[in-house]
Amino acid sequence: MTHRQRQVLEFIRDRVRDTHCPPTVREICEHFDIRSTNGVRVILEALEKKGHLKRSPRLSRGLTVVESEANAQTDLPASTSVRESDDDEEEFLRVPLLGRVAAGQPILAVEEAEETFTIPRTLLPTKNAFALRVQGESMREIGIMDGDIVFAQPQSTAQSGETVVALVGDEATVKDYFPERHRIRLQPRNATMEPIWISSRSPEFRILGKVVGVFRTMR
């Protein structure tokens, strides 16, 4: 256990002893002057992995103190739970970064989360989203640049003209989607590049989601 993790566990102990009620994540955040609730979640998740706390799926990210020799001196009941407030649950979204997607020629999409973003819910129009890192310049005319993170709403269909994350074989790409008779046109938004054409009956094609947001760091 790190020094900060032990401090947080002791703070929970003290609050339970003094008030008979565990602190919320936001109260822990304020007590230790941690700037975001995500920082507290990281600490609590680490304590859970080390066996000092466990998650209760029926609570709003509830964590229960685990009775053990290591924390027996903390006087924490085994059933004590740390709850996030409902406001915390509604305020943030946890969005997995699944891998890379090409805005040029398709690149293999890695279906394993590289990391998770915690972002204000008001920034995305969906509760469920995934993120992919863009490589290439084919969508630059609509502001999607090489290195950007695109956020997509998972769905298997789209309206003509919508910007989608599409899977072609086992490779993914971001393009504008245009179904045309017996084929599909995946249109780049770069005048120097040609569209990708696919048979509408091809088993190698499917839509993974509709792009609903873009994130860029300043270089």
C-alpha atoms as a PDB file:
ATOM      1  CA  MET A   1       0.000   0.000   0.000  1.00  0.00           C
ATOM      2  CA  THR A   2       1.365   3.439  -0.914  1.00  0.00           C
ATOM      3  CA  HIS A   3       1.462   6.300   1.557  1.00  0.00           C
ATOM      4  CA  ARG A   4      -1.508   8.062  -0.097  1.00  0.00           C
ATOM      5  CA  GLN A   5      -3.533   4.851  -0.268  1.00  0.00           C
ATOM      6  CA  ARG A   6      -2.966   4.294   3.440  1.00  0.00           C
ATOM      7  CA  GLN A   7      -3.964   7.899   4.144  1.00  0.00           C
ATOM      8  CA  VAL A   8      -7.245   7.436   2.280  1.00  0.00           C
ATOM      9  CA  LEU A   9      -7.978   4.169   4.089  1.00  0.00           C
ATOM     10  CA  GLU A  10      -7.266   5.844   7.440  1.00  0.00           C
ATOM     11  CA  PHE A  11      -9.488   8.789   6.514  1.00  0.00           C
ATOM     12  CA  ILE A  12     -12.346   6.395   5.792  1.00  0.00           C
ATOM     13  CA  ARG A  13     -11.677   4.729   9.148  1.00  0.00           C
ATOM     14  CA  ASP A  14     -11.740   8.047  10.998  1.00  0.00           C
ATOM     15  CA  ARG A  15     -14.962   9.182   9.351  1.00  0.00           C
ATOM     16  CA  VAL A  16     -16.697   5.917  10.178  1.00  0.00           C
ATOM     17  CA  ARG A  17     -15.486   6.144  13.774  1.00  0.00           C
ATOM     18  CA  ASP A  18     -16.569   9.769  14.183  1.00  0.00           C
ATOM     19  CA  THR A  19     -19.814   9.839  12.189  1.00  0.00           C
ATOM     20  CA  HIS A  20     -20.700   6.159  11.718  1.00  0.00           C
ATOM     21  CA  CYS A  21     -20.892   6.923   8.013  1.00  0.00           C
ATOM     22  CA  PRO A  22     -18.196   6.539   5.358  1.00  0.00           C
ATOM     23  CA  PRO A  23     -17.229   9.598   3.266  1.00  0.00           C
ATOM     24  CA  THR A  24     -18.288  10.097  -0.330  1.00  0.00           C
ATOM     25  CA  VAL A  25     -15.717  10.167  -3.108  1.00  0.00           C
ATOM     26  CA  ARG A  26     -16.157  13.930  -3.365  1.00  0.00           C
ATOM     27  CA  GLU A  27     -15.487  14.357   0.372  1.00  0.00           C
ATOM     28  CA  ILE A  28     -12.278  12.332   0.041  1.00  0.00           C
ATOM     29  CA  CYS A  29     -11.373  14.506  -2.938  1.00  0.00           C
ATOM     30  CA  GLU A  30     -11.865  17.717  -0.935  1.00  0.00           C
ATOM     31  CA  HIS A  31     -10.081  16.430   2.164  1.00  0.00           C
ATOM     32  CA  PHE A  32      -6.893  15.570   0.250  1.00  0.00           C
ATOM     33  CA  ASP A  33      -7.177  18.498  -2.178  1.00  0.00           C
ATOM     34  CA  ILE A  34      -7.337  16.129  -5.144  1.00  0.00           C
ATOM     35  CA  ARG A  35      -8.508  18.065  -8.182  1.00  0.00           C
ATOM     36  CA  SER A  36     -10.801  15.455  -9.724  1.00  0.00           C
ATOM     37  CA  THR A  37     -12.940  12.599  -8.462  1.00  0.00           C
ATOM     38  CA  ASN A  38     -11.165  10.411 -11.002  1.00  0.00           C
ATOM     39  CA  GLY A  39      -8.003  10.720  -8.917  1.00  0.00           C
ATOM     40  CA  VAL A  40      -9.848   9.326  -5.901  1.00  0.00           C
ATOM     41  CA  ARG A  41     -11.322   6.514  -7.987  1.00  0.00           C
ATOM     42  CA  VAL A  42      -7.820   5.472  -9.041  1.00  0.00           C
ATOM     43  CA  ILE A  43      -6.786   5.219  -5.378  1.00  0.00           C
ATOM     44  CA  LEU A  44      -9.897   3.271  -4.405  1.00  0.00           C
ATOM     45  CA  GLU A  45      -9.471   0.916  -7.368  1.00  0.00           C
ATOM     46  CA  ALA A  46      -5.875   0.269  -6.276  1.00  0.00           C
ATOM     47  CA  LEU A  47      -7.043  -0.498  -2.734  1.00  0.00           C
ATOM     48  CA  GLU A  48      -9.617  -2.877  -4.188  1.00  0.00           C
ATOM     49  CA  LYS A  49      -6.981  -4.701  -6.259  1.00  0.00           C
ATOM     50  CA  LYS A  50      -4.801  -5.050  -3.164  1.00  0.00           C
ATOM     51  CA  GLY A  51      -7.671  -6.622  -1.235  1.00  0.00           C
ATOM     52  CA  HIS A  52      -8.451  -3.776   1.178  1.00  0.00           C
ATOM     53  CA  LEU A  53     -11.725  -2.811  -0.526  1.00  0.00           C
ATOM     54  CA  LYS A  54     -14.147  -4.535  -2.872  1.00  0.00           C
ATOM     55  CA  ARG A  55     -16.661  -3.160  -5.346  1.00  0.00           C
ATOM     56  CA  SER A  56     -20.371  -3.725  -4.790  1.00  0.00           C
ATOM     57  CA  PRO A  57     -22.140  -3.838  -8.188  1.00  0.00           C
ATOM     58  CA  ARG A  58     -25.481  -2.851  -6.664  1.00  0.00           C
ATOM     59  CA  LEU A  59     -24.102   0.408  -5.303  1.00  0.00           C
ATOM     60  CA  SER A  60     -23.129   3.502  -7.207  1.00  0.00           C
ATOM     61  CA  ARG A  61     -19.472   2.461  -7.473  1.00  0.00           C
ATOM     62  CA  GLY A  62     -19.723   1.306  -3.880  1.00  0.00           C
ATOM     63  CA  LEU A  63     -16.604  -0.110  -2.212  1.00  0.00           C
ATOM     64  CA  THR A  64     -16.663  -2.278   0.902  1.00  0.00           C
ATOM     65  CA  VAL A  65     -13.779  -2.530   3.357  1.00  0.00           C
ATOM     66  CA  VAL A  66     -12.402  -6.077   3.474  1.00  0.00           C
ATOM     67  CA  GLU A  67     -11.613  -7.446   6.943  1.00  0.00           C
ATOM     68  CA  SER A  68      -8.037  -8.720   7.109  1.00  0.00           C
ATOM     69  CA  GLU A  69      -5.024  -8.802   9.403  1.00  0.00           C
ATOM     70  CA  ALA A  70      -3.549  -5.880   7.478  1.00  0.00           C
ATOM     71  CA  ASN A  71      -6.445  -3.563   8.227  1.00  0.00           C
ATOM     72  CA  ALA A  72      -7.731  -5.125  11.429  1.00  0.00           C
ATOM     73  CA  GLN A  73      -6.299  -2.194  13.405  1.00  0.00           C
ATOM     74  CA  THR A  74      -8.371   0.295  11.452  1.00  0.00           C
ATOM     75  CA  ASP A  75     -11.562  -0.607  13.367  1.00  0.00           C
ATOM     76  CA  LEU A  76     -13.468  -0.553  10.099  1.00  0.00           C
ATOM     77  CA  PRO A  77     -16.477  -2.875   9.958  1.00  0.00           C
ATOM     78  CA  ALA A  78     -16.304  -5.404   7.124  1.00  0.00           C
ATOM     79  CA  SER A  79     -19.616  -4.167   5.765  1.00  0.00           C
ATOM     80  CA  THR A  80     -18.685  -0.485   5.587  1.00  0.00           C
ATOM     81  CA  SER A  81     -19.298   0.912   2.101  1.00  0.00           C
ATOM     82  CA  VAL A  82     -17.858   3.937   0.358  1.00  0.00           C
ATOM     83  CA  ARG A  83     -20.487   5.356  -1.973  1.00  0.00           C
ATOM     84  CA  GLU A  84     -20.131   7.926  -4.667  1.00  0.00           C
ATOM     85  CA  SER A  85     -22.961  10.393  -4.743  1.00  0.00           C
ATOM     86  CA  ASP A  86     -25.571  10.145  -7.469  1.00  0.00           C
ATOM     87  CA  ASP A  87     -24.225  13.432  -8.787  1.00  0.00           C
ATOM     88  CA  ASP A  88     -20.782  11.852  -9.318  1.00  0.00           C
ATOM     89  CA  GLU A  89     -22.345   8.938 -11.202  1.00  0.00           C
ATOM     90  CA  GLU A  90     -24.249  11.246 -13.521  1.00  0.00           C
ATOM     91  CA  GLU A  91     -21.517  13.836 -13.968  1.00  0.00           C
ATOM     92  CA  PHE A  92     -18.830  11.687 -15.609  1.00  0.00           C
ATOM     93  CA  LEU A  93     -18.511   9.013 -18.287  1.00  0.00           C
ATOM     94  CA  ARG A  94     -15.772   6.388 -18.461  1.00  0.00           C
ATOM     95  CA  VAL A  95     -14.862   5.903 -22.118  1.00  0.00           C
ATOM     96  CA  PRO A  96     -12.478   3.084 -23.173  1.00  0.00           C
ATOM     97  CA  LEU A  97      -9.767   3.832 -25.736  1.00  0.00           C
ATOM     98  CA  LEU A  98      -9.901   0.690 -27.880  1.00  0.00           C
ATOM     99  CA  GLY A  99      -6.976   1.298 -30.190  1.00  0.00           C
ATOM    100  CA  ARG A 100      -6.291   3.013 -33.506  1.00  0.00           C
ATOM    101  CA  VAL A 101      -8.458   3.890 -36.490  1.00  0.00           C
ATOM    102  CA  ALA A 102      -7.256   5.204 -39.817  1.00  0.00           C
ATOM    103  CA  ALA A 103      -8.436   8.406 -41.437  1.00  0.00           C
ATOM    104  CA  GLY A 104      -6.519   7.391 -44.544  1.00  0.00           C
ATOM    105  CA  GLN A 105      -6.007   3.716 -45.261  1.00  0.00           C
ATOM    106  CA  PRO A 106      -7.514   1.388 -42.638  1.00  0.00           C
ATOM    107  CA  ILE A 107      -5.338   0.183 -39.763  1.00  0.00           C
ATOM    108  CA  LEU A 108      -5.928  -2.823 -37.547  1.00  0.00           C
ATOM    109  CA  ALA A 109      -8.320  -1.867 -34.731  1.00  0.00           C
ATOM    110  CA  VAL A 110      -7.170  -3.267 -31.401  1.00  0.00           C
ATOM    111  CA  GLU A 111     -10.304  -4.389 -29.512  1.00  0.00           C
ATOM    112  CA  GLU A 112      -8.658  -4.069 -26.114  1.00  0.00           C
ATOM    113  CA  ALA A 113      -8.806  -0.902 -24.071  1.00  0.00           C
ATOM    114  CA  GLU A 114      -5.432   0.837 -23.920  1.00  0.00           C
ATOM    115  CA  GLU A 115      -6.722   3.253 -21.285  1.00  0.00           C
ATOM    116  CA  THR A 116      -9.943   4.818 -20.064  1.00  0.00           C
ATOM    117  CA  PHE A 117     -10.965   8.471 -20.287  1.00  0.00           C
ATOM    118  CA  THR A 118     -13.125  10.011 -17.567  1.00  0.00           C
ATOM    119  CA  ILE A 119     -14.908  12.980 -19.115  1.00  0.00           C
ATOM    120  CA  PRO A 120     -17.849  15.216 -18.216  1.00  0.00           C
ATOM    121  CA  ARG A 121     -21.054  13.637 -19.441  1.00  0.00           C
ATOM    122  CA  THR A 122     -22.216  16.939 -20.908  1.00  0.00           C
ATOM    123  CA  LEU A 123     -19.494  16.728 -23.573  1.00  0.00           C
ATOM    124  CA  LEU A 124     -21.027  13.690 -25.302  1.00  0.00           C
ATOM    125  CA  PRO A 125     -24.623  13.101 -26.444  1.00  0.00           C
ATOM    126  CA  THR A 126     -24.571   9.434 -25.376  1.00  0.00           C
ATOM    127  CA  LYS A 127     -24.144   7.424 -22.180  1.00  0.00           C
ATOM    128  CA  ASN A 128     -22.246   4.693 -24.030  1.00  0.00           C
ATOM    129  CA  ALA A 129     -19.202   5.569 -26.087  1.00  0.00           C
ATOM    130  CA  PHE A 130     -15.840   4.240 -27.149  1.00  0.00           C
ATOM    131  CA  ALA A 131     -12.750   6.091 -28.305  1.00  0.00           C
ATOM    132  CA  LEU A 132     -10.179   5.440 -31.023  1.00  0.00           C
ATOM    133  CA  ARG A 133      -6.981   7.256 -31.926  1.00  0.00           C
ATOM    134  CA  VAL A 134      -6.884   8.605 -35.505  1.00  0.00           C
ATOM    135  CA  GLN A 135      -3.953   8.175 -37.871  1.00  0.00           C
ATOM    136  CA  GLY A 136      -4.020   9.922 -41.223  1.00  0.00           C
ATOM    137  CA  GLU A 137      -5.350  13.087 -42.845  1.00  0.00           C
ATOM    138  CA  SER A 138      -8.350  11.961 -44.899  1.00  0.00           C
ATOM    139  CA  MET A 139     -10.933  13.647 -42.604  1.00  0.00           C
ATOM    140  CA  ARG A 140      -9.107  16.923 -42.065  1.00  0.00           C
ATOM    141  CA  GLU A 141     -11.739  19.020 -43.888  1.00  0.00           C
ATOM    142  CA  ILE A 142     -14.176  18.366 -41.021  1.00  0.00           C
ATOM    143  CA  GLY A 143     -11.528  18.931 -38.360  1.00  0.00           C
ATOM    144  CA  ILE A 144     -10.411  15.352 -37.643  1.00  0.00           C
ATOM    145  CA  MET A 145      -6.619  15.393 -37.707  1.00  0.00           C
ATOM    146  CA  ASP A 146      -3.836  12.865 -37.360  1.00  0.00           C
ATOM    147  CA  GLY A 147      -3.398  11.975 -33.669  1.00  0.00           C
ATOM    148  CA  ASP A 148      -6.894  13.085 -32.620  1.00  0.00           C
ATOM    149  CA  ILE A 149      -9.136  10.949 -30.420  1.00  0.00           C
ATOM    150  CA  VAL A 150     -12.582  10.307 -31.900  1.00  0.00           C
ATOM    151  CA  PHE A 151     -15.499   9.366 -29.654  1.00  0.00           C
ATOM    152  CA  ALA A 152     -18.160   7.136 -31.193  1.00  0.00           C
ATOM    153  CA  GLN A 153     -21.600   5.970 -30.177  1.00  0.00           C
ATOM    154  CA  PRO A 154     -21.810   2.188 -30.684  1.00  0.00           C
ATOM    155  CA  GLN A 155     -24.352   1.302 -33.393  1.00  0.00           C
ATOM    156  CA  SER A 156     -24.551  -0.995 -36.414  1.00  0.00           C
ATOM    157  CA  THR A 157     -26.457   1.347 -38.765  1.00  0.00           C
ATOM    158  CA  ALA A 158     -26.123   4.956 -39.896  1.00  0.00           C
ATOM    159  CA  GLN A 159     -27.843   7.573 -42.001  1.00  0.00           C
ATOM    160  CA  SER A 160     -26.388   8.533 -45.369  1.00  0.00           C
ATOM    161  CA  GLY A 161     -23.726  11.201 -44.917  1.00  0.00           C
ATOM    162  CA  GLU A 162     -22.976  10.483 -41.254  1.00  0.00           C
ATOM    163  CA  THR A 163     -19.381  10.090 -40.127  1.00  0.00           C
ATOM    164  CA  VAL A 164     -18.830   6.538 -38.907  1.00  0.00           C
ATOM    165  CA  VAL A 165     -16.216   4.160 -37.611  1.00  0.00           C
ATOM    166  CA  ALA A 166     -16.455   1.228 -40.025  1.00  0.00           C
ATOM    167  CA  LEU A 167     -14.826  -2.176 -39.984  1.00  0.00           C
ATOM    168  CA  VAL A 168     -13.538  -3.474 -43.325  1.00  0.00           C
ATOM    169  CA  GLY A 169     -12.389  -7.036 -42.762  1.00  0.00           C
ATOM    170  CA  ASP A 170     -10.482  -6.780 -39.485  1.00  0.00           C
ATOM    171  CA  GLU A 171      -9.382  -3.194 -40.106  1.00  0.00           C
ATOM    172  CA  ALA A 172     -11.161  -0.030 -39.014  1.00  0.00           C
ATOM    173  CA  THR A 173     -11.475   3.385 -40.606  1.00  0.00           C
ATOM    174  CA  VAL A 174     -13.367   6.633 -40.027  1.00  0.00           C
ATOM    175  CA  LYS A 175     -15.207   7.993 -43.069  1.00  0.00           C
ATOM    176  CA  ASP A 176     -18.498   9.522 -44.210  1.00  0.00           C
ATOM    177  CA  TYR A 177     -20.992   6.750 -44.988  1.00  0.00           C
ATOM    178  CA  PHE A 178     -22.962   6.700 -48.260  1.00  0.00           C
ATOM    179  CA  PRO A 179     -24.989   3.596 -49.259  1.00  0.00           C
ATOM    180  CA  GLU A 180     -25.471   3.578 -53.047  1.00  0.00           C
ATOM    181  CA  ARG A 181     -27.586   0.809 -54.664  1.00  0.00           C
ATOM    182  CA  HIS A 182     -25.499  -2.359 -54.391  1.00  0.00           C
ATOM    183  CA  ARG A 183     -22.404  -0.816 -52.907  1.00  0.00           C
ATOM    184  CA  ILE A 184     -21.224   1.431 -50.099  1.00  0.00           C
ATOM    185  CA  ARG A 185     -19.036   4.477 -50.489  1.00  0.00           C
ATOM    186  CA  LEU A 186     -16.795   5.386 -47.576  1.00  0.00           C
ATOM    187  CA  GLN A 187     -15.949   8.960 -48.416  1.00  0.00           C
ATOM    188  CA  PRO A 188     -12.868  10.779 -47.097  1.00  0.00           C
ATOM    189  CA  ARG A 189     -13.089  14.501 -46.399  1.00  0.00           C
ATOM    190  CA  ASN A 190      -9.857  15.351 -48.150  1.00  0.00           C
ATOM    191  CA  ALA A 191     -10.057  16.394 -51.808  1.00  0.00           C
ATOM    192  CA  THR A 192      -6.776  14.663 -52.613  1.00  0.00           C
ATOM    193  CA  MET A 193      -8.029  11.189 -51.580  1.00  0.00           C
ATOM    194  CA  GLU A 194     -10.304   8.657 -53.233  1.00  0.00           C
ATOM    195  CA  PRO A 195     -13.291   6.934 -51.572  1.00  0.00           C
ATOM    196  CA  ILE A 196     -13.315   3.295 -50.476  1.00  0.00           C
ATOM    197  CA  TRP A 197     -15.930   1.200 -52.316  1.00  0.00           C
ATOM    198  CA  ILE A 198     -17.455  -1.934 -50.771  1.00  0.00           C
ATOM    199  CA  SER A 199     -20.233  -4.275 -51.862  1.00  0.00           C
ATOM    200  CA  SER A 200     -23.342  -3.773 -49.739  1.00  0.00           C
ATOM    201  CA  ARG A 201     -23.513  -7.576 -49.368  1.00  0.00           C
ATOM    202  CA  SER A 202     -19.925  -7.964 -48.270  1.00  0.00           C
ATOM    203  CA  PRO A 203     -19.589  -9.905 -44.992  1.00  0.00           C
ATOM    204  CA  GLU A 204     -16.319  -8.059 -44.497  1.00  0.00           C
ATOM    205  CA  PHE A 205     -18.058  -4.739 -43.773  1.00  0.00           C
ATOM    206  CA  ARG A 206     -19.905  -3.472 -40.729  1.00  0.00           C
ATOM    207  CA  ILE A 207     -20.481  -0.198 -38.924  1.00  0.00           C
ATOM    208  CA  LEU A 208     -19.034  -0.019 -35.418  1.00  0.00           C
ATOM    209  CA  GLY A 209     -20.425   3.367 -34.442  1.00  0.00           C
ATOM    210  CA  LYS A 210     -21.217   6.959 -35.308  1.00  0.00           C
ATOM    211  CA  VAL A 211     -18.634   9.633 -34.529  1.00  0.00           C
ATOM    212  CA  VAL A 212     -20.044  12.056 -31.944  1.00  0.00           C
ATOM    213  CA  GLY A 213     -16.969  13.927 -30.741  1.00  0.00           C
ATOM    214  CA  VAL A 214     -13.298  14.694 -31.274  1.00  0.00           C
ATOM    215  CA  PHE A 215     -10.537  15.446 -28.756  1.00  0.00           C
ATOM    216  CA  ARG A 216      -7.213  17.058 -29.606  1.00  0.00           C
ATOM    217  CA  THR A 217      -4.229  17.981 -27.459  1.00  0.00           C
ATOM    218  CA  MET A 218      -2.344  21.188 -28.253  1.00  0.00           C
ATOM    219  CA  ARG A 219       1.132  20.418 -29.554  1.00  0.00           C
END
